Amino acid sequence: MTRLTDHERRYDAFLFASLCEDDETVLSVLSVLARQDLDPWHEAARLADQPKEQAINSLAARIWQSDSERWPPSEASILAIRLIELLPPHRHSRSDSGFAEQPGRMTLWFVIGMVLGSIALSGNTLQGPTHSSGPAADQAGILAAQNNVPPSTEVIATD
């Protein structure tokens, strides 16, 4: 009898997950894959290496092919979503690869940089000129008069 390695045991939660239970029979992912003449551990490893959406679609097709009368495509997809979550994390997501190999991080830093740059630019435009003169000062006086606010007696020095 062949012993399973630790590498193969990491797929146990996925392979032994129940698709359905009838009376005393449990149909597992392992059963569905074996009935299709596939090596369940090899197929689990293949699915784990695929992007999540592709793995879901592939597994849903396998479930539907196993018994299309029991599981219509929509139900097979719902089952596949739940089952793919049982696979171990994708190998590439756990690796300590370089910065360029992680586009999600690069995008995050780009967005953070854009936000900080926008804040810096808006801070400069909000400060405006350091002296008041011309139409803006006249407009402030008109607004004060309309609101019955006595005009300021302070004198603002200009350069």
C-alpha atoms as a PDB file:
ATOM      1  CA  MET A   1       0.000   0.000   0.000  1.00  0.00           C
ATOM      2  CA  THR A   2       1.291   3.452  -0.896  1.00  0.00           C
ATOM      3  CA  ARG A   3       1.704   5.975   1.898  1.00  0.00           C
ATOM      4  CA  LEU A   4       0.702   9.562   1.291  1.00  0.00           C
ATOM      5  CA  THR A   5       3.376  12.164   1.753  1.00  0.00           C
ATOM      6  CA  ASP A   6       2.855  15.339   3.769  1.00  0.00           C
ATOM      7  CA  HIS A   7       2.781  17.194   0.457  1.00  0.00           C
ATOM      8  CA  GLU A   8      -0.209  15.123  -0.657  1.00  0.00           C
ATOM      9  CA  ARG A   9      -1.929  15.342   2.741  1.00  0.00           C
ATOM     10  CA  ARG A  10      -2.322  19.094   2.370  1.00  0.00           C
ATOM     11  CA  TYR A  11      -5.143  18.389  -0.099  1.00  0.00           C
ATOM     12  CA  ASP A  12      -7.106  16.184   2.322  1.00  0.00           C
ATOM     13  CA  ALA A  13      -9.632  18.849   3.349  1.00  0.00           C
ATOM     14  CA  PHE A  14     -10.433  19.450  -0.304  1.00  0.00           C
ATOM     15  CA  LEU A  15     -10.424  15.833  -1.500  1.00  0.00           C
ATOM     16  CA  PHE A  16     -12.472  14.412   1.358  1.00  0.00           C
ATOM     17  CA  ALA A  17     -15.014  17.250   1.374  1.00  0.00           C
ATOM     18  CA  SER A  18     -18.567  16.050   0.902  1.00  0.00           C
ATOM     19  CA  LEU A  19     -20.528  17.043  -2.192  1.00  0.00           C
ATOM     20  CA  CYS A  20     -23.684  15.315  -1.025  1.00  0.00           C
ATOM     21  CA  GLU A  21     -24.921  12.623   1.326  1.00  0.00           C
ATOM     22  CA  ASP A  22     -27.611  10.118   0.361  1.00  0.00           C
ATOM     23  CA  ASP A  23     -28.796   7.714   3.048  1.00  0.00           C
ATOM     24  CA  GLU A  24     -25.507   6.089   4.084  1.00  0.00           C
ATOM     25  CA  THR A  25     -23.406   7.172   1.081  1.00  0.00           C
ATOM     26  CA  VAL A  26     -21.151  10.206   1.018  1.00  0.00           C
ATOM     27  CA  LEU A  27     -19.952  11.503  -2.330  1.00  0.00           C
ATOM     28  CA  SER A  28     -16.641  13.313  -1.933  1.00  0.00           C
ATOM     29  CA  VAL A  29     -14.479  15.333  -4.318  1.00  0.00           C
ATOM     30  CA  LEU A  30     -12.091  12.379  -4.348  1.00  0.00           C
ATOM     31  CA  SER A  31     -14.918  10.102  -5.545  1.00  0.00           C
ATOM     32  CA  VAL A  32     -15.962  12.479  -8.323  1.00  0.00           C
ATOM     33  CA  LEU A  33     -12.399  12.807  -9.601  1.00  0.00           C
ATOM     34  CA  ALA A  34     -11.637   9.075  -9.349  1.00  0.00           C
ATOM     35  CA  ARG A  35     -14.830   8.218 -11.266  1.00  0.00           C
ATOM     36  CA  GLN A  36     -13.495  10.378 -14.103  1.00  0.00           C
ATOM     37  CA  ASP A  37     -10.213   8.394 -14.184  1.00  0.00           C
ATOM     38  CA  LEU A  38      -8.209  11.275 -12.732  1.00  0.00           C
ATOM     39  CA  ASP A  39      -5.546  11.103 -10.055  1.00  0.00           C
ATOM     40  CA  PRO A  40      -7.298  13.099  -7.295  1.00  0.00           C
ATOM     41  CA  TRP A  41      -4.058  14.413  -5.744  1.00  0.00           C
ATOM     42  CA  HIS A  42      -2.666  15.448  -9.109  1.00  0.00           C
ATOM     43  CA  GLU A  43      -5.937  17.200  -9.976  1.00  0.00           C
ATOM     44  CA  ALA A  44      -5.993  18.937  -6.572  1.00  0.00           C
ATOM     45  CA  ALA A  45      -2.444  20.181  -7.145  1.00  0.00           C
ATOM     46  CA  ARG A  46      -3.375  21.364 -10.644  1.00  0.00           C
ATOM     47  CA  LEU A  47      -6.381  23.272  -9.317  1.00  0.00           C
ATOM     48  CA  ALA A  48      -4.324  24.803  -6.496  1.00  0.00           C
ATOM     49  CA  ASP A  49      -1.832  26.160  -9.057  1.00  0.00           C
ATOM     50  CA  GLN A  50      -4.514  27.811 -11.182  1.00  0.00           C
ATOM     51  CA  PRO A  51      -5.971  31.279 -10.645  1.00  0.00           C
ATOM     52  CA  LYS A  52      -8.992  30.992  -8.366  1.00  0.00           C
ATOM     53  CA  GLU A  53     -11.641  31.756 -10.991  1.00  0.00           C
ATOM     54  CA  GLN A  54     -10.150  29.281 -13.453  1.00  0.00           C
ATOM     55  CA  ALA A  55      -9.971  26.587 -10.752  1.00  0.00           C
ATOM     56  CA  ILE A  56     -13.632  27.173  -9.842  1.00  0.00           C
ATOM     57  CA  ASN A  57     -14.719  26.867 -13.477  1.00  0.00           C
ATOM     58  CA  SER A  58     -12.649  23.718 -13.982  1.00  0.00           C
ATOM     59  CA  LEU A  59     -13.976  22.018 -10.846  1.00  0.00           C
ATOM     60  CA  ALA A  60     -17.563  23.067 -11.612  1.00  0.00           C
ATOM     61  CA  ALA A  61     -17.247  21.403 -15.031  1.00  0.00           C
ATOM     62  CA  ARG A  62     -15.952  18.202 -13.377  1.00  0.00           C
ATOM     63  CA  ILE A  63     -18.848  18.187 -10.887  1.00  0.00           C
ATOM     64  CA  TRP A  64     -21.408  18.793 -13.608  1.00  0.00           C
ATOM     65  CA  GLN A  65     -19.876  16.063 -15.816  1.00  0.00           C
ATOM     66  CA  SER A  66     -20.085  13.580 -12.952  1.00  0.00           C
ATOM     67  CA  ASP A  67     -23.886  13.849 -12.682  1.00  0.00           C
ATOM     68  CA  SER A  68     -25.548  16.578 -14.730  1.00  0.00           C
ATOM     69  CA  GLU A  69     -29.011  15.494 -13.571  1.00  0.00           C
ATOM     70  CA  ARG A  70     -28.122  16.046  -9.923  1.00  0.00           C
ATOM     71  CA  TRP A  71     -26.185  19.279 -10.346  1.00  0.00           C
ATOM     72  CA  PRO A  72     -27.166  21.866 -12.919  1.00  0.00           C
ATOM     73  CA  PRO A  73     -24.261  24.154 -13.962  1.00  0.00           C
ATOM     74  CA  SER A  74     -25.253  26.909 -11.511  1.00  0.00           C
ATOM     75  CA  GLU A  75     -25.326  24.520  -8.547  1.00  0.00           C
ATOM     76  CA  ALA A  76     -22.059  22.917  -9.653  1.00  0.00           C
ATOM     77  CA  SER A  77     -20.473  26.390  -9.666  1.00  0.00           C
ATOM     78  CA  ILE A  78     -21.737  27.137  -6.158  1.00  0.00           C
ATOM     79  CA  LEU A  79     -20.291  23.841  -4.905  1.00  0.00           C
ATOM     80  CA  ALA A  80     -16.992  24.540  -6.674  1.00  0.00           C
ATOM     81  CA  ILE A  81     -16.673  27.975  -5.034  1.00  0.00           C
ATOM     82  CA  ARG A  82     -17.027  26.402  -1.587  1.00  0.00           C
ATOM     83  CA  LEU A  83     -14.654  23.544  -2.373  1.00  0.00           C
ATOM     84  CA  ILE A  84     -11.859  25.606  -3.943  1.00  0.00           C
ATOM     85  CA  GLU A  85     -11.643  27.517  -0.654  1.00  0.00           C
ATOM     86  CA  LEU A  86     -10.490  24.241   0.949  1.00  0.00           C
ATOM     87  CA  LEU A  87      -7.367  24.039  -1.210  1.00  0.00           C
ATOM     88  CA  PRO A  88      -4.105  25.203   0.341  1.00  0.00           C
ATOM     89  CA  PRO A  89      -3.010  28.747  -0.567  1.00  0.00           C
ATOM     90  CA  HIS A  90      -1.606  29.304  -4.024  1.00  0.00           C
ATOM     91  CA  ARG A  91       2.152  28.711  -4.107  1.00  0.00           C
ATOM     92  CA  HIS A  92       2.971  32.053  -5.698  1.00  0.00           C
ATOM     93  CA  SER A  93       1.041  34.048  -3.086  1.00  0.00           C
ATOM     94  CA  ARG A  94       3.255  32.694  -0.294  1.00  0.00           C
ATOM     95  CA  SER A  95       6.596  33.100  -2.021  1.00  0.00           C
ATOM     96  CA  ASP A  96       9.035  35.817  -1.146  1.00  0.00           C
ATOM     97  CA  SER A  97       9.294  36.972  -4.712  1.00  0.00           C
ATOM     98  CA  GLY A  98      10.575  40.353  -5.774  1.00  0.00           C
ATOM     99  CA  PHE A  99       8.591  43.573  -5.810  1.00  0.00           C
ATOM    100  CA  ALA A 100       8.039  43.463  -9.583  1.00  0.00           C
ATOM    101  CA  GLU A 101       6.449  39.995  -9.350  1.00  0.00           C
ATOM    102  CA  GLN A 102       3.705  41.284  -7.083  1.00  0.00           C
ATOM    103  CA  PRO A 103       1.557  43.616  -9.198  1.00  0.00           C
ATOM    104  CA  GLY A 104      -0.961  44.051  -6.381  1.00  0.00           C
ATOM    105  CA  ARG A 105       1.666  45.640  -4.151  1.00  0.00           C
ATOM    106  CA  MET A 106       2.947  47.836  -6.938  1.00  0.00           C
ATOM    107  CA  THR A 107      -0.582  49.063  -7.650  1.00  0.00           C
ATOM    108  CA  LEU A 108      -1.131  49.755  -3.953  1.00  0.00           C
ATOM    109  CA  TRP A 109       2.026  51.868  -3.737  1.00  0.00           C
ATOM    110  CA  PHE A 110       1.102  53.696  -6.937  1.00  0.00           C
ATOM    111  CA  VAL A 111      -2.338  54.577  -5.520  1.00  0.00           C
ATOM    112  CA  ILE A 112      -0.836  55.676  -2.200  1.00  0.00           C
ATOM    113  CA  GLY A 113       1.655  57.854  -4.085  1.00  0.00           C
ATOM    114  CA  MET A 114      -1.118  59.433  -6.153  1.00  0.00           C
ATOM    115  CA  VAL A 115      -3.194  60.173  -3.056  1.00  0.00           C
ATOM    116  CA  LEU A 116      -0.265  61.716  -1.206  1.00  0.00           C
ATOM    117  CA  GLY A 117       0.700  63.732  -4.288  1.00  0.00           C
ATOM    118  CA  SER A 118      -2.863  65.005  -4.619  1.00  0.00           C
ATOM    119  CA  ILE A 119      -2.918  66.008  -0.963  1.00  0.00           C
ATOM    120  CA  ALA A 120       0.377  67.850  -1.344  1.00  0.00           C
ATOM    121  CA  LEU A 121      -0.846  69.726  -4.423  1.00  0.00           C
ATOM    122  CA  SER A 122      -4.209  70.587  -2.902  1.00  0.00           C
ATOM    123  CA  GLY A 123      -2.447  71.847   0.225  1.00  0.00           C
ATOM    124  CA  ASN A 124      -0.510  74.349  -1.883  1.00  0.00           C
ATOM    125  CA  THR A 125      -3.611  75.622  -3.669  1.00  0.00           C
ATOM    126  CA  LEU A 126      -5.607  75.901  -0.434  1.00  0.00           C
ATOM    127  CA  GLN A 127      -3.001  78.130   1.182  1.00  0.00           C
ATOM    128  CA  GLY A 128      -3.258  80.604  -1.676  1.00  0.00           C
ATOM    129  CA  PRO A 129      -1.398  83.895  -1.699  1.00  0.00           C
ATOM    130  CA  THR A 130      -0.156  85.313   1.585  1.00  0.00           C
ATOM    131  CA  HIS A 131      -1.539  88.792   0.948  1.00  0.00           C
ATOM    132  CA  SER A 132      -5.001  90.103   0.082  1.00  0.00           C
ATOM    133  CA  SER A 133      -5.511  92.645  -2.610  1.00  0.00           C
ATOM    134  CA  GLY A 134      -7.644  93.248  -5.620  1.00  0.00           C
ATOM    135  CA  PRO A 135     -11.062  91.742  -6.323  1.00  0.00           C
ATOM    136  CA  ALA A 136     -10.919  89.064  -3.614  1.00  0.00           C
ATOM    137  CA  ALA A 137     -10.527  91.683  -0.874  1.00  0.00           C
ATOM    138  CA  ASP A 138     -13.343  93.770  -2.361  1.00  0.00           C
ATOM    139  CA  GLN A 139     -15.601  90.721  -2.499  1.00  0.00           C
ATOM    140  CA  ALA A 140     -14.997  90.014   1.191  1.00  0.00           C
ATOM    141  CA  GLY A 141     -16.108  93.564   2.013  1.00  0.00           C
ATOM    142  CA  ILE A 142     -19.294  93.183  -0.061  1.00  0.00           C
ATOM    143  CA  LEU A 143     -20.147  89.882   1.669  1.00  0.00           C
ATOM    144  CA  ALA A 144     -19.586  91.443   5.075  1.00  0.00           C
ATOM    145  CA  ALA A 145     -21.905  94.327   4.184  1.00  0.00           C
ATOM    146  CA  GLN A 146     -24.636  91.963   2.946  1.00  0.00           C
ATOM    147  CA  ASN A 147     -24.533  89.979   6.182  1.00  0.00           C
ATOM    148  CA  ASN A 148     -24.596  93.119   8.347  1.00  0.00           C
ATOM    149  CA  VAL A 149     -21.163  92.377   9.657  1.00  0.00           C
ATOM    150  CA  PRO A 150     -19.169  95.444  10.504  1.00  0.00           C
ATOM    151  CA  PRO A 151     -16.078  95.678   8.319  1.00  0.00           C
ATOM    152  CA  SER A 152     -12.811  94.804   9.944  1.00  0.00           C
ATOM    153  CA  THR A 153     -10.725  97.675  11.157  1.00  0.00           C
ATOM    154  CA  GLU A 154      -7.523  95.699  10.822  1.00  0.00           C
ATOM    155  CA  VAL A 155      -5.224  96.803   8.127  1.00  0.00           C
ATOM    156  CA  ILE A 156      -3.648  94.028   6.107  1.00  0.00           C
ATOM    157  CA  ALA A 157      -0.179  94.861   4.980  1.00  0.00           C
ATOM    158  CA  THR A 158       0.783  94.050   1.445  1.00  0.00           C
ATOM    159  CA  ASP A 159       4.230  93.471   0.040  1.00  0.00           C
END
